Amino acid sequence: MTEREQLVLEPIADDREVGRWLSALEDCRRDTVRELEGLDDEALDVRHPSADNSLGSLLYHLALIEADWLLVDIFGATSLTAEEEALLPFTDRDDRGELTQRRSPSTWTDSSRCAPSSWSGSAR
């Protein structure tokens, strides 16, 4: 029998359940960043003819949804601070209801800006 690797997620917040989810998000983000190493802005902006979104737009959408979960659902925010708005300044969808398409995504796919753990340092 082959030995299985055991995944252990150490909570990274006072609330154990929230901490486990934050740890899982960090783990996924670390794997994603590793897979994206070497891709430049142009590669992240490419939209394949059979796809509705670029990889960069999907990454921005994920970061925005994660930030919303943390700030609204966990911290109970009813509005964002100027600093929080500056980190992820675009809405998730355009006027047609499609994901917002962004150019030059490296400024908002940088893991240090979009990681939920960086949001937990806010004044909330």
PDB file of N, CA and C in Angstrom:
ATOM      1  N   MET A   1       0.846  -1.175   0.000  1.00  0.00           N
ATOM      2  CA  MET A   1       0.000   0.000   0.000  1.00  0.00           C
ATOM      3  C   MET A   1       0.892   1.238   0.000  1.00  0.00           C
ATOM      4  N   THR A   2       0.556   2.200  -0.817  1.00  0.00           N
ATOM      5  CA  THR A   2       1.297   3.448  -0.898  1.00  0.00           C
ATOM      6  C   THR A   2       0.878   4.374   0.241  1.00  0.00           C
ATOM      7  N   GLU A   3       1.874   4.990   0.857  1.00  0.00           N
ATOM      8  CA  GLU A   3       1.582   5.911   1.959  1.00  0.00           C
ATOM      9  C   GLU A   3       0.982   7.200   1.404  1.00  0.00           C
ATOM     10  N   ARG A   4      -0.122   7.642   1.998  1.00  0.00           N
ATOM     11  CA  ARG A   4      -0.787   8.864   1.559  1.00  0.00           C
ATOM     12  C   ARG A   4      -0.204  10.064   2.271  1.00  0.00           C
ATOM     13  N   GLU A   5      -0.092  11.153   1.523  1.00  0.00           N
ATOM     14  CA  GLU A   5       0.321  12.418   2.125  1.00  0.00           C
ATOM     15  C   GLU A   5      -0.862  12.982   2.893  1.00  0.00           C
ATOM     16  N   GLN A   6      -0.628  13.430   4.099  1.00  0.00           N
ATOM     17  CA  GLN A   6      -1.690  13.994   4.914  1.00  0.00           C
ATOM     18  C   GLN A   6      -1.593  15.514   4.879  1.00  0.00           C
ATOM     19  N   LEU A   7      -2.675  16.150   4.491  1.00  0.00           N
ATOM     20  CA  LEU A   7      -2.745  17.604   4.451  1.00  0.00           C
ATOM     21  C   LEU A   7      -3.226  18.105   5.808  1.00  0.00           C
ATOM     22  N   VAL A   8      -2.419  18.933   6.436  1.00  0.00           N
ATOM     23  CA  VAL A   8      -2.782  19.505   7.725  1.00  0.00           C
ATOM     24  C   VAL A   8      -2.829  21.011   7.570  1.00  0.00           C
ATOM     25  N   LEU A   9      -3.969  21.581   7.872  1.00  0.00           N
ATOM     26  CA  LEU A   9      -4.141  23.027   7.768  1.00  0.00           C
ATOM     27  C   LEU A   9      -4.186  23.619   9.168  1.00  0.00           C
ATOM     28  N   GLU A  10      -3.138  24.289   9.525  1.00  0.00           N
ATOM     29  CA  GLU A  10      -3.087  24.949  10.823  1.00  0.00           C
ATOM     30  C   GLU A  10      -3.860  26.259  10.738  1.00  0.00           C
ATOM     31  N   PRO A  11      -4.826  26.478  11.618  1.00  0.00           N
ATOM     32  CA  PRO A  11      -5.591  27.731  11.597  1.00  0.00           C
ATOM     33  C   PRO A  11      -4.672  28.947  11.726  1.00  0.00           C
ATOM     34  N   ILE A  12      -4.986  29.994  10.957  1.00  0.00           N
ATOM     35  CA  ILE A  12      -4.174  31.217  11.004  1.00  0.00           C
ATOM     36  C   ILE A  12      -5.002  32.409  11.480  1.00  0.00           C
ATOM     37  N   ALA A  13      -6.008  32.125  12.299  1.00  0.00           N
ATOM     38  CA  ALA A  13      -6.833  33.182  12.893  1.00  0.00           C
ATOM     39  C   ALA A  13      -7.345  32.679  14.236  1.00  0.00           C
ATOM     40  N   ASP A  14      -7.824  33.588  15.067  1.00  0.00           N
ATOM     41  CA  ASP A  14      -8.318  33.214  16.388  1.00  0.00           C
ATOM     42  C   ASP A  14      -9.497  32.248  16.316  1.00  0.00           C
ATOM     43  N   ASP A  15     -10.444  32.502  15.418  1.00  0.00           N
ATOM     44  CA  ASP A  15     -11.577  31.610  15.230  1.00  0.00           C
ATOM     45  C   ASP A  15     -11.078  30.403  14.430  1.00  0.00           C
ATOM     46  N   ARG A  16     -11.170  29.204  14.999  1.00  0.00           N
ATOM     47  CA  ARG A  16     -10.574  28.024  14.368  1.00  0.00           C
ATOM     48  C   ARG A  16     -11.172  27.720  12.996  1.00  0.00           C
ATOM     49  N   GLU A  17     -12.485  27.850  12.838  1.00  0.00           N
ATOM     50  CA  GLU A  17     -13.093  27.552  11.541  1.00  0.00           C
ATOM     51  C   GLU A  17     -12.637  28.557  10.487  1.00  0.00           C
ATOM     52  N   VAL A  18     -12.699  29.835  10.823  1.00  0.00           N
ATOM     53  CA  VAL A  18     -12.231  30.867   9.896  1.00  0.00           C
ATOM     54  C   VAL A  18     -10.751  30.654   9.609  1.00  0.00           C
ATOM     55  N   GLY A  19      -9.995  30.338  10.644  1.00  0.00           N
ATOM     56  CA  GLY A  19      -8.559  30.117  10.480  1.00  0.00           C
ATOM     57  C   GLY A  19      -8.249  28.967   9.544  1.00  0.00           C
ATOM     58  N   ARG A  20      -9.028  27.897   9.618  1.00  0.00           N
ATOM     59  CA  ARG A  20      -8.822  26.769   8.706  1.00  0.00           C
ATOM     60  C   ARG A  20      -9.106  27.176   7.265  1.00  0.00           C
ATOM     61  N   TRP A  21     -10.190  27.929   7.046  1.00  0.00           N
ATOM     62  CA  TRP A  21     -10.516  28.359   5.687  1.00  0.00           C
ATOM     63  C   TRP A  21      -9.461  29.324   5.145  1.00  0.00           C
ATOM     64  N   LEU A  22      -8.995  30.231   5.992  1.00  0.00           N
ATOM     65  CA  LEU A  22      -7.921  31.127   5.554  1.00  0.00           C
ATOM     66  C   LEU A  22      -6.663  30.337   5.207  1.00  0.00           C
ATOM     67  N   SER A  23      -6.360  29.335   5.999  1.00  0.00           N
ATOM     68  CA  SER A  23      -5.205  28.488   5.736  1.00  0.00           C
ATOM     69  C   SER A  23      -5.376  27.738   4.414  1.00  0.00           C
ATOM     70  N   ALA A  24      -6.576  27.227   4.158  1.00  0.00           N
ATOM     71  CA  ALA A  24      -6.840  26.531   2.894  1.00  0.00           C
ATOM     72  C   ALA A  24      -6.694  27.480   1.709  1.00  0.00           C
ATOM     73  N   LEU A  25      -7.209  28.708   1.854  1.00  0.00           N
ATOM     74  CA  LEU A  25      -7.065  29.695   0.778  1.00  0.00           C
ATOM     75  C   LEU A  25      -5.594  30.010   0.527  1.00  0.00           C
ATOM     76  N   GLU A  26      -4.829  30.162   1.583  1.00  0.00           N
ATOM     77  CA  GLU A  26      -3.395  30.437   1.451  1.00  0.00           C
ATOM     78  C   GLU A  26      -2.692  29.275   0.744  1.00  0.00           C
ATOM     79  N   ASP A  27      -3.069  28.046   1.080  1.00  0.00           N
ATOM     80  CA  ASP A  27      -2.477  26.875   0.459  1.00  0.00           C
ATOM     81  C   ASP A  27      -2.780  26.841  -1.039  1.00  0.00           C
ATOM     82  N   CYS A  28      -4.025  27.088  -1.400  1.00  0.00           N
ATOM     83  CA  CYS A  28      -4.411  27.130  -2.821  1.00  0.00           C
ATOM     84  C   CYS A  28      -3.698  28.263  -3.548  1.00  0.00           C
ATOM     85  N   ARG A  29      -3.603  29.409  -2.901  1.00  0.00           N
ATOM     86  CA  ARG A  29      -2.955  30.558  -3.520  1.00  0.00           C
ATOM     87  C   ARG A  29      -1.481  30.278  -3.779  1.00  0.00           C
ATOM     88  N   ARG A  30      -0.828  29.645  -2.809  1.00  0.00           N
ATOM     89  CA  ARG A  30       0.590  29.301  -2.955  1.00  0.00           C
ATOM     90  C   ARG A  30       0.779  28.395  -4.183  1.00  0.00           C
ATOM     91  N   ASP A  31      -0.096  27.388  -4.340  1.00  0.00           N
ATOM     92  CA  ASP A  31      -0.017  26.496  -5.499  1.00  0.00           C
ATOM     93  C   ASP A  31      -0.289  27.254  -6.798  1.00  0.00           C
ATOM     94  N   THR A  32      -1.274  28.143  -6.776  1.00  0.00           N
ATOM     95  CA  THR A  32      -1.609  28.923  -7.970  1.00  0.00           C
ATOM     96  C   THR A  32      -0.458  29.830  -8.369  1.00  0.00           C
ATOM     97  N   VAL A  33       0.116  30.535  -7.413  1.00  0.00           N
ATOM     98  CA  VAL A  33       1.240  31.433  -7.698  1.00  0.00           C
ATOM     99  C   VAL A  33       2.403  30.637  -8.283  1.00  0.00           C
ATOM    100  N   ARG A  34       2.652  29.455  -7.737  1.00  0.00           N
ATOM    101  CA  ARG A  34       3.741  28.612  -8.257  1.00  0.00           C
ATOM    102  C   ARG A  34       3.476  28.239  -9.723  1.00  0.00           C
ATOM    103  N   GLU A  35       2.221  27.908 -10.048  1.00  0.00           N
ATOM    104  CA  GLU A  35       1.885  27.538 -11.427  1.00  0.00           C
ATOM    105  C   GLU A  35       1.965  28.727 -12.384  1.00  0.00           C
ATOM    106  N   LEU A  36       1.748  29.932 -11.870  1.00  0.00           N
ATOM    107  CA  LEU A  36       1.741  31.127 -12.716  1.00  0.00           C
ATOM    108  C   LEU A  36       3.117  31.763 -12.883  1.00  0.00           C
ATOM    109  N   GLU A  37       4.114  31.289 -12.126  1.00  0.00           N
ATOM    110  CA  GLU A  37       5.452  31.870 -12.210  1.00  0.00           C
ATOM    111  C   GLU A  37       5.930  31.865 -13.656  1.00  0.00           C
ATOM    112  N   GLY A  38       6.468  32.976 -14.066  1.00  0.00           N
ATOM    113  CA  GLY A  38       6.997  33.095 -15.413  1.00  0.00           C
ATOM    114  C   GLY A  38       6.019  33.661 -16.429  1.00  0.00           C
ATOM    115  N   LEU A  39       4.737  33.735 -16.069  1.00  0.00           N
ATOM    116  CA  LEU A  39       3.766  34.343 -16.984  1.00  0.00           C
ATOM    117  C   LEU A  39       3.795  35.852 -16.814  1.00  0.00           C
ATOM    118  N   ASP A  40       3.831  36.562 -17.932  1.00  0.00           N
ATOM    119  CA  ASP A  40       3.816  38.024 -17.850  1.00  0.00           C
ATOM    120  C   ASP A  40       2.384  38.529 -18.027  1.00  0.00           C
ATOM    121  N   ASP A  41       2.215  39.856 -17.939  1.00  0.00           N
ATOM    122  CA  ASP A  41       0.886  40.455 -18.060  1.00  0.00           C
ATOM    123  C   ASP A  41       0.200  40.074 -19.364  1.00  0.00           C
ATOM    124  N   GLU A  42       0.963  40.053 -20.431  1.00  0.00           N
ATOM    125  CA  GLU A  42       0.379  39.734 -21.738  1.00  0.00           C
ATOM    126  C   GLU A  42      -0.219  38.323 -21.741  1.00  0.00           C
ATOM    127  N   ALA A  43       0.482  37.368 -21.158  1.00  0.00           N
ATOM    128  CA  ALA A  43      -0.025  35.996 -21.105  1.00  0.00           C
ATOM    129  C   ALA A  43      -1.288  35.913 -20.244  1.00  0.00           C
ATOM    130  N   LEU A  44      -1.335  36.678 -19.159  1.00  0.00           N
ATOM    131  CA  LEU A  44      -2.518  36.673 -18.301  1.00  0.00           C
ATOM    132  C   LEU A  44      -3.714  37.364 -18.947  1.00  0.00           C
ATOM    133  N   ASP A  45      -3.441  38.248 -19.903  1.00  0.00           N
ATOM    134  CA  ASP A  45      -4.513  38.975 -20.592  1.00  0.00           C
ATOM    135  C   ASP A  45      -5.124  38.208 -21.758  1.00  0.00           C
ATOM    136  N   VAL A  46      -4.480  37.142 -22.215  1.00  0.00           N
ATOM    137  CA  VAL A  46      -4.950  36.402 -23.387  1.00  0.00           C
ATOM    138  C   VAL A  46      -6.303  35.770 -23.120  1.00  0.00           C
ATOM    139  N   ARG A  47      -7.205  35.973 -24.078  1.00  0.00           N
ATOM    140  CA  ARG A  47      -8.511  35.309 -24.019  1.00  0.00           C
ATOM    141  C   ARG A  47      -8.568  34.319 -25.170  1.00  0.00           C
ATOM    142  N   HIS A  48      -8.629  33.042 -24.839  1.00  0.00           N
ATOM    143  CA  HIS A  48      -8.734  32.002 -25.852  1.00  0.00           C
ATOM    144  C   HIS A  48     -10.070  32.177 -26.570  1.00  0.00           C
ATOM    145  N   PRO A  49     -10.115  31.907 -27.884  1.00  0.00           N
ATOM    146  CA  PRO A  49     -11.369  32.098 -28.632  1.00  0.00           C
ATOM    147  C   PRO A  49     -12.581  31.370 -28.041  1.00  0.00           C
ATOM    148  N   SER A  50     -12.365  30.252 -27.361  1.00  0.00           N
ATOM    149  CA  SER A  50     -13.506  29.522 -26.805  1.00  0.00           C
ATOM    150  C   SER A  50     -13.777  29.876 -25.344  1.00  0.00           C
ATOM    151  N   ALA A  51     -13.034  30.854 -24.802  1.00  0.00           N
ATOM    152  CA  ALA A  51     -13.207  31.228 -23.390  1.00  0.00           C
ATOM    153  C   ALA A  51     -13.791  32.635 -23.278  1.00  0.00           C
ATOM    154  N   ASP A  52     -14.593  32.841 -22.256  1.00  0.00           N
ATOM    155  CA  ASP A  52     -15.193  34.151 -22.028  1.00  0.00           C
ATOM    156  C   ASP A  52     -14.263  35.105 -21.288  1.00  0.00           C
ATOM    157  N   ASN A  53     -13.282  34.565 -20.564  1.00  0.00           N
ATOM    158  CA  ASN A  53     -12.453  35.398 -19.701  1.00  0.00           C
ATOM    159  C   ASN A  53     -10.976  35.051 -19.842  1.00  0.00           C
ATOM    160  N   SER A  54     -10.155  36.044 -19.573  1.00  0.00           N
ATOM    161  CA  SER A  54      -8.716  35.791 -19.495  1.00  0.00           C
ATOM    162  C   SER A  54      -8.396  35.200 -18.132  1.00  0.00           C
ATOM    163  N   LEU A  55      -7.238  34.606 -18.023  1.00  0.00           N
ATOM    164  CA  LEU A  55      -6.796  34.067 -16.744  1.00  0.00           C
ATOM    165  C   LEU A  55      -6.677  35.190 -15.709  1.00  0.00           C
ATOM    166  N   GLY A  56      -6.150  36.334 -16.132  1.00  0.00           N
ATOM    167  CA  GLY A  56      -6.013  37.474 -15.224  1.00  0.00           C
ATOM    168  C   GLY A  56      -7.348  37.945 -14.678  1.00  0.00           C
ATOM    169  N   SER A  57      -8.376  37.976 -15.531  1.00  0.00           N
ATOM    170  CA  SER A  57      -9.705  38.392 -15.062  1.00  0.00           C
ATOM    171  C   SER A  57     -10.285  37.391 -14.069  1.00  0.00           C
ATOM    172  N   LEU A  58     -10.059  36.099 -14.315  1.00  0.00           N
ATOM    173  CA  LEU A  58     -10.529  35.081 -13.367  1.00  0.00           C
ATOM    174  C   LEU A  58      -9.807  35.202 -12.032  1.00  0.00           C
ATOM    175  N   LEU A  59      -8.508  35.469 -12.062  1.00  0.00           N
ATOM    176  CA  LEU A  59      -7.745  35.636 -10.823  1.00  0.00           C
ATOM    177  C   LEU A  59      -8.233  36.852 -10.042  1.00  0.00           C
ATOM    178  N   TYR A  60      -8.504  37.945 -10.753  1.00  0.00           N
ATOM    179  CA  TYR A  60      -9.016  39.141 -10.078  1.00  0.00           C
ATOM    180  C   TYR A  60     -10.363  38.837  -9.431  1.00  0.00           C
ATOM    181  N   HIS A  61     -11.226  38.142 -10.157  1.00  0.00           N
ATOM    182  CA  HIS A  61     -12.551  37.799  -9.638  1.00  0.00           C
ATOM    183  C   HIS A  61     -12.418  36.959  -8.361  1.00  0.00           C
ATOM    184  N   LEU A  62     -11.548  35.968  -8.372  1.00  0.00           N
ATOM    185  CA  LEU A  62     -11.335  35.142  -7.176  1.00  0.00           C
ATOM    186  C   LEU A  62     -10.865  35.986  -5.996  1.00  0.00           C
ATOM    187  N   ALA A  63      -9.902  36.873  -6.239  1.00  0.00           N
ATOM    188  CA  ALA A  63      -9.387  37.725  -5.163  1.00  0.00           C
ATOM    189  C   ALA A  63     -10.494  38.619  -4.607  1.00  0.00           C
ATOM    190  N   LEU A  64     -11.323  39.161  -5.492  1.00  0.00           N
ATOM    191  CA  LEU A  64     -12.407  40.039  -5.066  1.00  0.00           C
ATOM    192  C   LEU A  64     -13.434  39.288  -4.227  1.00  0.00           C
ATOM    193  N   ILE A  65     -13.793  38.086  -4.643  1.00  0.00           N
ATOM    194  CA  ILE A  65     -14.776  37.293  -3.907  1.00  0.00           C
ATOM    195  C   ILE A  65     -14.218  36.863  -2.552  1.00  0.00           C
ATOM    196  N   GLU A  66     -12.939  36.476  -2.515  1.00  0.00           N
ATOM    197  CA  GLU A  66     -12.316  36.117  -1.237  1.00  0.00           C
ATOM    198  C   GLU A  66     -12.300  37.308  -0.283  1.00  0.00           C
ATOM    199  N   ALA A  67     -11.948  38.482  -0.794  1.00  0.00           N
ATOM    200  CA  ALA A  67     -11.911  39.682   0.040  1.00  0.00           C
ATOM    201  C   ALA A  67     -13.309  40.012   0.555  1.00  0.00           C
ATOM    202  N   ASP A  68     -14.319  39.873  -0.295  1.00  0.00           N
ATOM    203  CA  ASP A  68     -15.698  40.125   0.116  1.00  0.00           C
ATOM    204  C   ASP A  68     -16.105  39.163   1.235  1.00  0.00           C
ATOM    205  N   TRP A  69     -15.773  37.878   1.091  1.00  0.00           N
ATOM    206  CA  TRP A  69     -16.093  36.900   2.137  1.00  0.00           C
ATOM    207  C   TRP A  69     -15.460  37.320   3.458  1.00  0.00           C
ATOM    208  N   LEU A  70     -14.190  37.667   3.413  1.00  0.00           N
ATOM    209  CA  LEU A  70     -13.498  38.004   4.647  1.00  0.00           C
ATOM    210  C   LEU A  70     -14.035  39.297   5.261  1.00  0.00           C
ATOM    211  N   LEU A  71     -14.157  40.348   4.449  1.00  0.00           N
ATOM    212  CA  LEU A  71     -14.554  41.653   4.986  1.00  0.00           C
ATOM    213  C   LEU A  71     -16.026  41.717   5.377  1.00  0.00           C
ATOM    214  N   VAL A  72     -16.898  41.182   4.531  1.00  0.00           N
ATOM    215  CA  VAL A  72     -18.337  41.284   4.794  1.00  0.00           C
ATOM    216  C   VAL A  72     -18.832  40.149   5.679  1.00  0.00           C
ATOM    217  N   ASP A  73     -18.566  38.915   5.285  1.00  0.00           N
ATOM    218  CA  ASP A  73     -19.110  37.771   6.021  1.00  0.00           C
ATOM    219  C   ASP A  73     -18.406  37.528   7.356  1.00  0.00           C
ATOM    220  N   ILE A  74     -17.110  37.737   7.402  1.00  0.00           N
ATOM    221  CA  ILE A  74     -16.372  37.453   8.634  1.00  0.00           C
ATOM    222  C   ILE A  74     -16.263  38.692   9.520  1.00  0.00           C
ATOM    223  N   PHE A  75     -15.797  39.823   8.956  1.00  0.00           N
ATOM    224  CA  PHE A  75     -15.627  41.036   9.760  1.00  0.00           C
ATOM    225  C   PHE A  75     -16.912  41.849   9.888  1.00  0.00           C
ATOM    226  N   GLY A  76     -17.934  41.557   9.065  1.00  0.00           N
ATOM    227  CA  GLY A  76     -19.203  42.269   9.149  1.00  0.00           C
ATOM    228  C   GLY A  76     -19.174  43.681   8.599  1.00  0.00           C
ATOM    229  N   ALA A  77     -18.267  43.957   7.686  1.00  0.00           N
ATOM    230  CA  ALA A  77     -18.158  45.298   7.111  1.00  0.00           C
ATOM    231  C   ALA A  77     -19.414  45.658   6.319  1.00  0.00           C
ATOM    232  N   THR A  78     -19.822  46.906   6.434  1.00  0.00           N
ATOM    233  CA  THR A  78     -20.932  47.407   5.622  1.00  0.00           C
ATOM    234  C   THR A  78     -20.427  48.346   4.540  1.00  0.00           C
ATOM    235  N   SER A  79     -19.169  48.774   4.657  1.00  0.00           N
ATOM    236  CA  SER A  79     -18.517  49.578   3.627  1.00  0.00           C
ATOM    237  C   SER A  79     -17.020  49.316   3.717  1.00  0.00           C
ATOM    238  N   LEU A  80     -16.311  49.669   2.660  1.00  0.00           N
ATOM    239  CA  LEU A  80     -14.868  49.455   2.616  1.00  0.00           C
ATOM    240  C   LEU A  80     -14.120  50.737   2.935  1.00  0.00           C
ATOM    241  N   THR A  81     -12.944  50.575   3.519  1.00  0.00           N
ATOM    242  CA  THR A  81     -12.076  51.726   3.737  1.00  0.00           C
ATOM    243  C   THR A  81     -11.443  52.101   2.405  1.00  0.00           C
ATOM    244  N   ALA A  82     -10.887  53.283   2.310  1.00  0.00           N
ATOM    245  CA  ALA A  82     -10.217  53.726   1.084  1.00  0.00           C
ATOM    246  C   ALA A  82      -9.058  52.789   0.737  1.00  0.00           C
ATOM    247  N   GLU A  83      -8.329  52.345   1.757  1.00  0.00           N
ATOM    248  CA  GLU A  83      -7.215  51.424   1.529  1.00  0.00           C
ATOM    249  C   GLU A  83      -7.702  50.106   0.937  1.00  0.00           C
ATOM    250  N   GLU A  84      -8.805  49.579   1.458  1.00  0.00           N
ATOM    251  CA  GLU A  84      -9.356  48.325   0.939  1.00  0.00           C
ATOM    252  C   GLU A  84      -9.845  48.497  -0.493  1.00  0.00           C
ATOM    253  N   GLU A  85     -10.520  49.596  -0.774  1.00  0.00           N
ATOM    254  CA  GLU A  85     -10.992  49.843  -2.140  1.00  0.00           C
ATOM    255  C   GLU A  85      -9.839  49.970  -3.117  1.00  0.00           C
ATOM    256  N   ALA A  86      -8.728  50.556  -2.694  1.00  0.00           N
ATOM    257  CA  ALA A  86      -7.572  50.740  -3.570  1.00  0.00           C
ATOM    258  C   ALA A  86      -6.919  49.408  -3.933  1.00  0.00           C
ATOM    259  N   LEU A  87      -7.001  48.408  -3.052  1.00  0.00           N
ATOM    260  CA  LEU A  87      -6.395  47.110  -3.339  1.00  0.00           C
ATOM    261  C   LEU A  87      -7.107  46.367  -4.463  1.00  0.00           C
ATOM    262  N   LEU A  88      -8.423  46.437  -4.496  1.00  0.00           N
ATOM    263  CA  LEU A  88      -9.229  45.766  -5.523  1.00  0.00           C
ATOM    264  C   LEU A  88     -10.287  46.759  -6.008  1.00  0.00           C
ATOM    265  N   PRO A  89      -9.890  47.675  -6.889  1.00  0.00           N
ATOM    266  CA  PRO A  89     -10.744  48.813  -7.208  1.00  0.00           C
ATOM    267  C   PRO A  89     -11.888  48.567  -8.198  1.00  0.00           C
ATOM    268  N   PHE A  90     -11.906  47.421  -8.876  1.00  0.00           N
ATOM    269  CA  PHE A  90     -12.903  47.216  -9.921  1.00  0.00           C
ATOM    270  C   PHE A  90     -14.049  46.341  -9.423  1.00  0.00           C
ATOM    271  N   THR A  91     -15.244  46.559  -9.958  1.00  0.00           N
ATOM    272  CA  THR A  91     -16.383  45.714  -9.607  1.00  0.00           C
ATOM    273  C   THR A  91     -16.184  44.335 -10.224  1.00  0.00           C
ATOM    274  N   ASP A  92     -16.972  43.369  -9.784  1.00  0.00           N
ATOM    275  CA  ASP A  92     -16.797  42.013 -10.300  1.00  0.00           C
ATOM    276  C   ASP A  92     -17.434  41.808 -11.674  1.00  0.00           C
ATOM    277  N   ARG A  93     -18.427  42.608 -12.013  1.00  0.00           N
ATOM    278  CA  ARG A  93     -19.128  42.404 -13.294  1.00  0.00           C
ATOM    279  C   ARG A  93     -19.347  43.725 -14.021  1.00  0.00           C
ATOM    280  N   ASP A  94     -19.448  43.622 -15.352  1.00  0.00           N
ATOM    281  CA  ASP A  94     -19.698  44.811 -16.162  1.00  0.00           C
ATOM    282  C   ASP A  94     -21.208  45.017 -16.332  1.00  0.00           C
ATOM    283  N   ASP A  95     -21.592  45.964 -17.171  1.00  0.00           N
ATOM    284  CA  ASP A  95     -23.007  46.287 -17.364  1.00  0.00           C
ATOM    285  C   ASP A  95     -23.823  45.140 -17.962  1.00  0.00           C
ATOM    286  N   ARG A  96     -23.142  44.189 -18.622  1.00  0.00           N
ATOM    287  CA  ARG A  96     -23.839  43.052 -19.230  1.00  0.00           C
ATOM    288  C   ARG A  96     -23.916  41.861 -18.274  1.00  0.00           C
ATOM    289  N   GLY A  97     -23.350  42.015 -17.061  1.00  0.00           N
ATOM    290  CA  GLY A  97     -23.352  40.927 -16.096  1.00  0.00           C
ATOM    291  C   GLY A  97     -22.197  39.956 -16.267  1.00  0.00           C
ATOM    292  N   GLU A  98     -21.244  40.291 -17.130  1.00  0.00           N
ATOM    293  CA  GLU A  98     -20.083  39.430 -17.352  1.00  0.00           C
ATOM    294  C   GLU A  98     -18.936  39.884 -16.459  1.00  0.00           C
ATOM    295  N   LEU A  99     -18.012  38.964 -16.179  1.00  0.00           N
ATOM    296  CA  LEU A  99     -16.861  39.333 -15.360  1.00  0.00           C
ATOM    297  C   LEU A  99     -16.128  40.514 -15.979  1.00  0.00           C
ATOM    298  N   THR A 100     -15.738  41.445 -15.148  1.00  0.00           N
ATOM    299  CA  THR A 100     -14.996  42.611 -15.603  1.00  0.00           C
ATOM    300  C   THR A 100     -13.670  42.149 -16.178  1.00  0.00           C
ATOM    301  N   GLN A 101     -13.363  42.625 -17.379  1.00  0.00           N
ATOM    302  CA  GLN A 101     -12.097  42.296 -18.021  1.00  0.00           C
ATOM    303  C   GLN A 101     -11.086  43.387 -17.688  1.00  0.00           C
ATOM    304  N   ARG A 102      -9.946  42.988 -17.192  1.00  0.00           N
ATOM    305  CA  ARG A 102      -8.904  43.926 -16.775  1.00  0.00           C
ATOM    306  C   ARG A 102      -7.649  43.700 -17.574  1.00  0.00           C
ATOM    307  N   ARG A 103      -6.924  44.766 -17.814  1.00  0.00           N
ATOM    308  CA  ARG A 103      -5.618  44.687 -18.472  1.00  0.00           C
ATOM    309  C   ARG A 103      -4.537  44.881 -17.412  1.00  0.00           C
ATOM    310  N   SER A 104      -3.330  44.460 -17.744  1.00  0.00           N
ATOM    311  CA  SER A 104      -2.160  44.586 -16.852  1.00  0.00           C
ATOM    312  C   SER A 104      -2.473  44.075 -15.445  1.00  0.00           C
ATOM    313  N   PRO A 105      -2.812  42.808 -15.336  1.00  0.00           N
ATOM    314  CA  PRO A 105      -3.267  42.276 -14.049  1.00  0.00           C
ATOM    315  C   PRO A 105      -2.202  42.100 -12.985  1.00  0.00           C
ATOM    316  N   SER A 106      -0.929  42.216 -13.285  1.00  0.00           N
ATOM    317  CA  SER A 106       0.066  41.931 -12.247  1.00  0.00           C
ATOM    318  C   SER A 106      -0.111  42.832 -11.040  1.00  0.00           C
ATOM    319  N   THR A 107      -0.680  44.007 -11.237  1.00  0.00           N
ATOM    320  CA  THR A 107      -0.866  44.905 -10.100  1.00  0.00           C
ATOM    321  C   THR A 107      -1.936  44.397  -9.150  1.00  0.00           C
ATOM    322  N   TRP A 108      -2.845  43.524  -9.625  1.00  0.00           N
ATOM    323  CA  TRP A 108      -3.878  43.029  -8.727  1.00  0.00           C
ATOM    324  C   TRP A 108      -3.903  41.528  -8.590  1.00  0.00           C
ATOM    325  N   THR A 109      -2.946  40.824  -9.181  1.00  0.00           N
ATOM    326  CA  THR A 109      -2.841  39.392  -8.915  1.00  0.00           C
ATOM    327  C   THR A 109      -1.654  39.100  -8.021  1.00  0.00           C
ATOM    328  N   ASP A 110      -0.926  40.142  -7.643  1.00  0.00           N
ATOM    329  CA  ASP A 110       0.184  39.984  -6.725  1.00  0.00           C
ATOM    330  C   ASP A 110      -0.347  39.391  -5.427  1.00  0.00           C
ATOM    331  N   SER A 111       0.190  38.242  -5.041  1.00  0.00           N
ATOM    332  CA  SER A 111      -0.359  37.521  -3.888  1.00  0.00           C
ATOM    333  C   SER A 111      -0.302  38.330  -2.596  1.00  0.00           C
ATOM    334  N   SER A 112       0.640  39.246  -2.479  1.00  0.00           N
ATOM    335  CA  SER A 112       0.721  40.017  -1.239  1.00  0.00           C
ATOM    336  C   SER A 112      -0.429  41.011  -1.120  1.00  0.00           C
ATOM    337  N   ARG A 113      -1.032  41.403  -2.226  1.00  0.00           N
ATOM    338  CA  ARG A 113      -2.156  42.336  -2.193  1.00  0.00           C
ATOM    339  C   ARG A 113      -3.485  41.619  -2.085  1.00  0.00           C
ATOM    340  N   CYS A 114      -3.599  40.464  -2.724  1.00  0.00           N
ATOM    341  CA  CYS A 114      -4.891  39.808  -2.829  1.00  0.00           C
ATOM    342  C   CYS A 114      -5.104  38.688  -1.827  1.00  0.00           C
ATOM    343  N   ALA A 115      -4.107  38.368  -1.056  1.00  0.00           N
ATOM    344  CA  ALA A 115      -4.239  37.287  -0.092  1.00  0.00           C
ATOM    345  C   ALA A 115      -5.157  37.700   1.050  1.00  0.00           C
ATOM    346  N   PRO A 116      -6.123  36.845   1.399  1.00  0.00           N
ATOM    347  CA  PRO A 116      -7.009  37.182   2.513  1.00  0.00           C
ATOM    348  C   PRO A 116      -6.256  37.524   3.794  1.00  0.00           C
ATOM    349  N   SER A 117      -5.120  36.886   4.019  1.00  0.00           N
ATOM    350  CA  SER A 117      -4.396  37.184   5.255  1.00  0.00           C
ATOM    351  C   SER A 117      -3.923  38.634   5.278  1.00  0.00           C
ATOM    352  N   SER A 118      -3.694  39.240   4.109  1.00  0.00           N
ATOM    353  CA  SER A 118      -3.282  40.640   4.106  1.00  0.00           C
ATOM    354  C   SER A 118      -4.454  41.550   4.473  1.00  0.00           C
ATOM    355  N   TRP A 119      -5.675  41.095   4.215  1.00  0.00           N
ATOM    356  CA  TRP A 119      -6.851  41.875   4.565  1.00  0.00           C
ATOM    357  C   TRP A 119      -7.113  41.802   6.066  1.00  0.00           C
ATOM    358  N   SER A 120      -6.686  40.713   6.686  1.00  0.00           N
ATOM    359  CA  SER A 120      -6.958  40.576   8.112  1.00  0.00           C
ATOM    360  C   SER A 120      -6.167  41.571   8.942  1.00  0.00           C
ATOM    361  N   GLY A 121      -5.189  42.211   8.315  1.00  0.00           N
ATOM    362  CA  GLY A 121      -4.437  43.233   9.011  1.00  0.00           C
ATOM    363  C   GLY A 121      -5.111  44.589   8.977  1.00  0.00           C
ATOM    364  N   SER A 122      -6.280  44.648   8.353  1.00  0.00           N
ATOM    365  CA  SER A 122      -6.968  45.931   8.279  1.00  0.00           C
ATOM    366  C   SER A 122      -7.475  46.318   9.675  1.00  0.00           C
ATOM    367  N   ALA A 123      -7.970  47.509   9.770  1.00  0.00           N
ATOM    368  CA  ALA A 123      -8.387  48.042  11.088  1.00  0.00           C
ATOM    369  C   ALA A 123      -9.706  47.459  11.566  1.00  0.00           C
ATOM    370  N   ARG A 124     -10.137  46.367  11.040  1.00  0.00           N
ATOM    371  CA  ARG A 124     -11.418  45.771  11.434  1.00  0.00           C
ATOM    372  C   ARG A 124     -11.318  44.992  12.699  1.00  0.00           C
TER     373      ARG A 124
END
